[in-house]
Protein backbone atom coordinates (compact mmCIF):
# COMPACT_ATOMS: atom_id res chain seq x y z
CA MET A 1 -47.61 30.63 104.44
CA ALA A 2 -47.04 31.31 100.58
CA ASP A 3 -45.04 34.66 101.50
CA ALA A 4 -42.43 31.89 102.95
CA LEU A 5 -42.33 29.58 100.82
CA LEU A 6 -41.80 32.49 98.13
CA THR A 7 -38.74 33.60 100.00
CA VAL A 8 -37.28 30.23 100.53
CA ALA A 9 -37.53 29.26 96.82
CA PHE A 10 -35.87 32.85 96.00
CA ASP A 11 -32.94 31.91 98.52
CA LEU A 12 -32.40 29.06 96.79
CA LEU A 13 -32.28 30.23 93.18
CA ILE A 14 -30.15 32.76 94.51
CA GLN A 15 -27.88 30.14 96.27
CA SER A 16 -27.74 28.04 92.63
CA VAL A 17 -26.72 31.12 90.57
CA GLU A 18 -24.08 32.02 93.15
CA TRP A 19 -22.76 28.04 92.81
CA ALA A 20 -22.95 28.14 89.10
CA ILE A 21 -20.86 31.56 88.99
CA ALA A 22 -18.39 30.43 91.23
CA ARG A 23 -18.20 26.74 89.35
CA ALA A 24 -17.41 28.69 86.10
CA ARG A 25 -14.89 31.15 87.85
CA ALA A 26 -13.46 27.99 88.90
CA ARG A 27 -13.37 25.84 85.58
CA ALA A 28 -12.08 29.47 84.31
CA LEU A 29 -8.98 29.70 86.48
CA ALA A 30 -8.40 26.02 86.03
CA VAL A 31 -7.76 26.47 82.82
CA ASP A 32 -5.75 29.45 82.77
CA HIS A 33 -3.75 28.25 85.37
CA ASP A 34 -3.25 24.81 83.31
CA GLU A 35 -2.58 27.30 80.12
CA ILE A 36 -0.04 28.68 82.24
CA ARG A 37 2.10 25.54 83.40
CA ASN A 38 2.19 24.83 79.43
CA LEU A 39 3.71 27.89 79.01
CA ASN A 40 5.79 27.95 80.65
CA LEU A 41 7.27 24.51 79.45
CA HIS A 42 6.38 25.84 76.14
CA VAL A 43 8.72 29.23 76.46
CA GLY A 44 11.19 26.98 78.30
CA PHE A 45 11.41 29.24 81.65
CA ASP A 46 12.63 27.71 84.97
CA SER A 47 10.71 29.47 87.08
CA SER A 48 12.54 28.32 89.90
CA GLN A 49 15.86 29.64 89.48
CA ARG A 50 14.61 32.79 87.74
CA LYS A 51 11.92 33.33 90.12
CA ASN A 52 9.32 34.17 87.13
CA THR A 53 5.61 34.35 88.50
CA PRO A 54 3.26 33.29 86.29
CA LEU A 55 2.43 37.07 85.45
CA HIS A 56 5.97 37.33 84.25
CA ILE A 57 5.21 34.30 81.93
CA ALA A 58 1.90 35.33 80.73
CA ALA A 59 3.23 38.93 79.98
CA ARG A 60 6.32 37.34 78.29
CA VAL A 61 4.20 35.06 75.70
CA GLY A 62 0.91 38.30 75.66
CA ASN A 63 -1.63 36.22 77.08
CA LYS A 64 -4.07 38.89 78.14
CA LYS A 65 -6.60 36.54 78.79
CA ILE A 66 -4.46 34.82 81.67
CA LEU A 67 -3.22 38.34 83.11
CA GLU A 68 -6.85 39.35 83.38
CA ALA A 69 -7.81 36.31 85.19
CA LEU A 70 -4.42 36.23 87.44
CA LEU A 71 -4.74 39.93 88.30
CA SER A 72 -8.66 39.25 89.27
CA GLU A 73 -7.25 37.37 91.87
CA GLY A 74 -4.70 39.07 93.35
CA THR A 75 -3.51 43.02 94.06
CA PRO A 76 -2.11 45.84 91.71
CA ALA A 77 1.13 45.21 94.03
CA TRP A 78 1.97 41.65 92.06
CA LEU A 79 2.89 44.19 89.07
CA LEU A 80 5.89 45.53 91.26
CA THR A 81 7.05 41.23 91.96
CA GLU A 82 10.73 40.99 90.26
CA ASN A 83 12.18 37.96 88.99
CA SER A 84 15.73 37.34 89.74
CA LYS A 85 17.24 39.72 87.13
CA HIS A 86 14.80 42.80 89.18
CA GLU A 87 12.66 42.22 86.07
CA THR A 88 8.60 43.00 86.46
CA PRO A 89 6.25 41.62 84.17
CA LEU A 90 5.78 44.82 82.14
CA HIS A 91 9.33 44.69 81.21
CA THR A 92 9.12 41.15 79.84
CA VAL A 93 6.07 42.40 78.40
CA ALA A 94 7.89 45.46 77.03
CA ARG A 95 10.65 43.31 75.46
CA SER A 96 8.82 41.01 74.09
CA GLY A 97 6.32 43.72 72.02
CA HIS A 98 3.47 42.09 72.69
CA VAL A 99 1.49 46.03 72.64
CA HIS A 100 -2.30 45.35 73.47
CA VAL A 101 -0.96 43.38 76.98
CA VAL A 102 1.56 46.24 77.33
CA LYS A 103 -1.24 48.74 77.41
CA PHE A 104 -3.46 46.48 79.46
CA LEU A 105 -1.14 46.29 82.31
CA ILE A 106 -0.21 50.14 82.30
CA ASN A 107 -4.32 51.03 81.63
CA TRP A 108 -5.01 48.38 84.37
CA ALA A 109 -2.73 49.99 86.92
CA THR A 110 -2.98 53.29 85.96
CA GLU A 111 -6.94 52.29 87.25
CA SER A 112 -5.89 50.99 90.42
CA THR A 113 -6.46 53.05 93.49
CA ASP A 114 -3.96 50.45 95.83
CA VAL A 115 -0.84 50.23 93.31
CA GLU A 116 1.38 50.86 96.88
CA THR A 117 2.02 54.23 97.38
CA GLY A 118 3.84 55.16 93.94
CA GLY A 119 0.93 54.39 91.81
CA ILE A 120 1.49 54.07 87.99
CA GLN A 121 4.74 55.95 88.02
CA GLN A 122 6.20 53.02 90.38
CA VAL A 123 5.03 50.37 87.93
CA LEU A 124 6.55 52.56 84.98
CA ARG A 125 10.06 53.41 86.37
CA MET A 126 11.21 49.81 87.83
CA ARG A 127 14.72 48.95 86.53
CA ASN A 128 16.27 46.03 86.82
CA MET A 129 19.66 44.62 87.10
CA GLU A 130 21.17 46.66 84.34
CA GLY A 131 18.94 49.75 85.45
CA ASN A 132 16.88 49.37 82.11
CA THR A 133 12.97 50.53 82.84
CA PRO A 134 10.42 49.26 80.59
CA LEU A 135 10.75 51.77 78.41
CA HIS A 136 14.62 51.18 77.94
CA GLU A 137 14.00 47.18 77.19
CA ALA A 138 10.86 48.41 74.28
CA VAL A 139 13.20 50.79 72.54
CA ARG A 140 16.18 48.79 72.87
CA ASN A 141 14.60 45.76 71.12
CA GLY A 142 13.20 48.62 68.70
CA HIS A 143 9.38 47.81 69.62
CA HIS A 144 8.07 51.39 68.10
CA SER A 145 4.41 51.09 69.08
CA THR A 146 5.00 49.83 72.54
CA VAL A 147 7.17 53.12 72.90
CA LEU A 148 3.75 54.81 71.86
CA VAL A 149 1.93 52.82 74.28
CA PHE A 150 4.32 54.36 76.59
CA MET A 151 4.20 58.22 76.17
CA GLU A 152 0.28 58.10 76.49
CA ALA A 153 1.03 57.13 80.01
CA LYS A 154 2.43 61.05 80.05
CA ASP A 155 5.41 60.31 82.54
CA SER A 156 7.87 62.94 80.97
CA ASP A 157 10.49 61.61 83.71
CA LEU A 158 10.42 58.23 82.21
CA PHE A 159 12.30 59.22 79.26
CA VAL A 160 15.17 61.04 80.50
CA SER A 161 15.90 58.06 82.78
CA LEU A 162 19.36 56.49 82.55
CA ASN A 163 20.02 52.80 83.47
CA ASN A 164 23.51 51.76 84.82
CA ALA A 165 25.54 52.47 81.90
CA GLY A 166 24.07 56.13 81.77
CA GLU A 167 21.94 55.33 78.83
CA SER A 168 18.65 57.38 78.11
CA PRO A 169 15.76 55.60 76.20
CA LEU A 170 16.92 58.26 73.21
CA LEU A 171 20.48 57.45 72.93
CA MET A 172 19.57 53.63 73.22
CA ALA A 173 17.45 54.25 70.09
CA VAL A 174 20.39 56.22 68.61
CA ASP A 175 22.79 53.12 69.26
CA THR A 176 19.97 50.44 67.95
CA ARG A 177 19.36 52.78 64.46
CA ALA A 178 15.88 53.51 65.52
CA SER A 179 15.07 56.24 63.39
CA GLU A 180 10.93 56.29 64.05
CA ILE A 181 11.45 55.56 68.00
CA VAL A 182 14.14 58.59 67.71
CA LYS A 183 11.33 60.90 66.10
CA THR A 184 8.94 60.00 68.86
CA ILE A 185 11.28 60.22 71.90
CA LEU A 186 13.09 63.17 70.81
CA PRO A 187 10.20 66.03 71.54
CA ASN A 188 9.70 64.63 74.86
CA SER A 189 13.49 64.96 75.49
CA LYS A 190 15.49 67.79 77.83
CA PRO A 191 17.63 70.37 76.15
CA SER A 192 20.58 68.85 78.71
CA SER A 193 20.09 65.29 77.75
CA LEU A 194 21.15 65.90 74.70
CA LEU A 195 24.66 66.81 76.33
CA HIS A 196 24.79 64.39 79.13
CA ARG A 197 27.75 62.15 78.52
CA SER A 198 27.37 58.04 79.23
CA SER A 199 29.55 55.51 80.89
CA ASN A 200 31.81 55.92 78.14
CA GLY A 201 31.93 59.47 77.30
CA GLN A 202 29.84 60.16 74.93
CA THR A 203 26.93 62.20 74.18
CA ILE A 204 23.90 61.40 72.09
CA LEU A 205 25.38 63.55 69.55
CA HIS A 206 28.44 61.61 69.46
CA ARG A 207 26.51 58.46 68.54
CA ALA A 208 24.50 60.39 66.27
CA ILE A 209 27.92 61.45 64.38
CA LEU A 210 28.68 57.92 64.18
CA ARG A 211 25.35 57.42 62.30
CA ALA A 212 24.68 59.98 59.27
CA ASP A 213 21.44 59.29 58.81
CA LEU A 214 20.47 60.13 62.49
CA SER A 215 22.38 63.08 62.76
CA LYS A 216 20.47 64.64 60.41
CA ILE A 217 17.19 63.68 62.33
CA LEU A 218 19.03 65.36 65.83
CA PHE A 219 21.05 68.16 64.81
CA PRO A 220 18.50 70.46 64.03
CA PHE A 221 16.72 69.78 67.88
CA PHE A 222 20.41 70.18 69.26
CA PHE A 223 20.51 73.87 67.74
CA ALA A 224 17.25 74.66 68.00
CA PHE A 225 18.18 74.05 72.18
CA SER A 226 21.22 76.04 71.96
CA ARG A 227 19.42 79.12 70.94
CA LEU A 228 16.92 78.96 74.22
């Protein structure tokens, strides 16, 4: 009889702990969703027109806490969700330059085994309406520390990918005079990428000549490649 009572008491204790955890989780998620709505109003996003999900908005403002809560309730495939500009949450955070959130999303996608069949490469290589990958967006907005995080993903094809205008991340860095980003990307570039012509017929070297400070960085690599 005593054993039966102990079993019942133990079961009740387990249930009470489970209920407490569930209530705490519900309260945390409720706060997060309220915060998302507030952030949505604060940054002026119109989710109905731009089709931004809560993940897009949380990534845009760099709120890692909300992203963690949302992703714990969803699936890795959510990172592939596009808004009206075909941008994923990784596009929006790369453009904003919240490096800690970029690193979190990449690590989270890498560690998740069910990110569709494309894995982390698919997340990294998604393109928006301009054909830009998240790396393009980081480069265009001059976020060097974010570019370094993308390098840690070790996807060499990402650094030579071209957008709709035929621009690689390196060419974009040259155009924006982002010398530190140029120095970071250049060692990961293929020789042929220096001679690739964009939609206006110019190569990276053409662009560099117009920017004397960057030509000093590029020319040694060009001559080294030409001897291979």
